[in-house]
Amino acid sequence: MARFVVIVALLLAGCTSVEPGRAPRSQFHLGAVAVRVPKTVGNVTAVSVKTLGVSWDDGLNIGWRSGAWITADPAKCQLLIIIRNAAEAANAIKIIKSLEGQQPCIVDFTNSPPL
């Protein structure tokens, strides 16, 4: 009975397929799924996915799964700045100011003001 309840809950929770940028693969998720696309600058694509259920990403995952994917074109994105917290946002401001007009590729998981 418990197995039946879990299966029904997973089927009712929803599913999604995530294409992480130009990567040649997909991730499939079934269960409680949260997909977040952070703010980006430049020729870069990023996605964050959290799943409680069943997912497929280069293999089967059952249970809790959390991951983030970032793809960038090296010809157009020679400097990539990834911001995951407030301290990294403060450092990113200093780096961006020191570049004097050059545009780095930025992925901001905090949606902080420097973008």
Protein backbone atom coordinates (compact mmCIF):
# COMPACT_ATOMS: atom_id res chain seq x y z
CA MET A 1 0.00 0.00 0.00
CA ALA A 2 2.78 2.44 0.90
CA ARG A 3 4.50 1.76 -2.41
CA PHE A 4 1.25 2.52 -4.25
CA VAL A 5 0.86 5.86 -2.39
CA VAL A 6 4.44 6.86 -3.28
CA ILE A 7 3.96 5.99 -6.95
CA VAL A 8 0.67 7.91 -7.17
CA ALA A 9 2.21 10.92 -5.39
CA LEU A 10 5.12 10.95 -7.84
CA LEU A 11 2.82 10.74 -10.84
CA LEU A 12 0.61 13.55 -9.57
CA ALA A 13 3.55 15.80 -8.63
CA GLY A 14 4.62 16.46 -12.22
CA CYS A 15 7.56 15.95 -14.48
CA THR A 16 9.89 18.01 -16.63
CA SER A 17 12.66 17.70 -19.18
CA VAL A 18 15.60 20.10 -18.93
CA GLU A 19 17.86 21.00 -21.85
CA PRO A 20 21.00 22.52 -20.30
CA GLY A 21 22.01 24.99 -22.99
CA ARG A 22 23.64 23.54 -26.05
CA ALA A 23 24.72 20.33 -24.29
CA PRO A 24 24.00 17.16 -26.29
CA ARG A 25 21.85 15.58 -23.58
CA SER A 26 18.70 16.08 -21.54
CA GLN A 27 17.70 15.47 -17.95
CA PHE A 28 14.29 13.98 -17.16
CA HIS A 29 12.67 14.46 -13.75
CA LEU A 30 9.52 12.95 -12.23
CA GLY A 31 8.24 14.00 -8.82
CA ALA A 32 8.51 17.33 -6.99
CA VAL A 33 10.71 19.37 -9.34
CA ALA A 34 12.04 22.92 -8.97
CA VAL A 35 13.76 24.40 -12.03
CA ARG A 36 15.46 27.78 -11.67
CA VAL A 37 17.12 29.76 -14.43
CA PRO A 38 19.48 32.32 -12.90
CA LYS A 39 20.13 35.79 -14.29
CA THR A 40 22.94 35.72 -16.90
CA VAL A 41 25.03 38.20 -18.86
CA GLY A 42 26.85 37.26 -22.07
CA ASN A 43 26.76 34.12 -24.18
CA VAL A 44 26.12 31.69 -21.32
CA THR A 45 23.24 29.40 -20.34
CA ALA A 46 22.59 28.16 -16.80
CA VAL A 47 19.93 26.12 -15.02
CA SER A 48 19.49 24.79 -11.48
CA VAL A 49 17.27 21.74 -10.88
CA LYS A 50 16.18 20.15 -7.62
CA THR A 51 14.16 16.91 -7.70
CA LEU A 52 12.53 14.76 -5.06
CA GLY A 53 11.51 11.64 -6.92
CA VAL A 54 13.04 9.98 -9.95
CA SER A 55 15.40 11.64 -12.42
CA TRP A 56 17.67 10.66 -15.28
CA ASP A 57 20.97 12.51 -15.78
CA ASP A 58 23.68 10.22 -17.16
CA GLY A 59 22.06 7.51 -15.04
CA LEU A 60 19.07 6.84 -12.82
CA ASN A 61 18.66 8.86 -9.62
CA ILE A 62 16.00 7.98 -7.03
CA GLY A 63 15.33 10.30 -4.11
CA TRP A 64 16.75 13.82 -3.65
CA ARG A 65 18.84 15.25 -6.50
CA SER A 66 20.22 18.75 -6.82
CA GLY A 67 22.34 20.02 -9.67
CA ALA A 68 23.30 23.05 -11.70
CA TRP A 69 24.54 23.17 -15.28
CA ILE A 70 26.36 26.02 -16.97
CA THR A 71 27.38 26.09 -20.62
CA ALA A 72 29.37 28.85 -22.26
CA ASP A 73 30.91 29.37 -25.69
CA PRO A 74 34.69 29.74 -25.07
CA ALA A 75 35.08 31.88 -28.21
CA LYS A 76 32.61 34.45 -26.87
CA CYS A 77 33.02 33.96 -23.14
CA GLN A 78 36.68 34.01 -22.15
CA LEU A 79 35.95 35.01 -18.55
CA LEU A 80 33.07 33.35 -16.69
CA ILE A 81 31.98 34.68 -13.28
CA ILE A 82 29.64 32.49 -11.23
CA ILE A 83 27.93 34.14 -8.25
CA ARG A 84 26.48 31.79 -5.62
CA ASN A 85 26.33 34.01 -2.51
CA ALA A 86 26.67 37.61 -1.28
CA ALA A 87 30.43 37.39 -0.74
CA GLU A 88 30.97 36.24 -4.32
CA ALA A 89 28.69 39.07 -5.52
CA ALA A 90 30.91 41.62 -3.73
CA ASN A 91 34.03 40.12 -5.32
CA ALA A 92 32.34 40.08 -8.74
CA ILE A 93 31.69 43.83 -8.51
CA LYS A 94 35.43 44.43 -7.96
CA ILE A 95 36.38 42.16 -10.89
CA ILE A 96 33.85 43.74 -13.26
CA LYS A 97 35.04 47.27 -12.38
CA SER A 98 38.67 46.28 -13.00
CA LEU A 99 37.86 45.04 -16.52
CA GLU A 100 37.14 48.62 -17.68
CA GLY A 101 34.45 48.09 -20.30
CA GLN A 102 35.09 44.46 -21.21
CA GLN A 103 32.02 42.27 -20.80
CA PRO A 104 32.58 38.96 -18.96
CA CYS A 105 29.95 36.23 -18.96
CA ILE A 106 28.15 36.17 -15.61
CA VAL A 107 25.84 33.62 -13.98
CA ASP A 108 24.14 34.99 -10.86
CA PHE A 109 22.31 32.40 -8.75
CA THR A 110 21.55 35.10 -6.12
CA ASN A 111 20.03 37.67 -8.54
CA SER A 112 22.15 40.31 -6.85
CA PRO A 113 22.33 43.96 -8.02
CA PRO A 114 25.72 44.04 -9.87
CA LEU A 115 24.16 42.67 -13.03
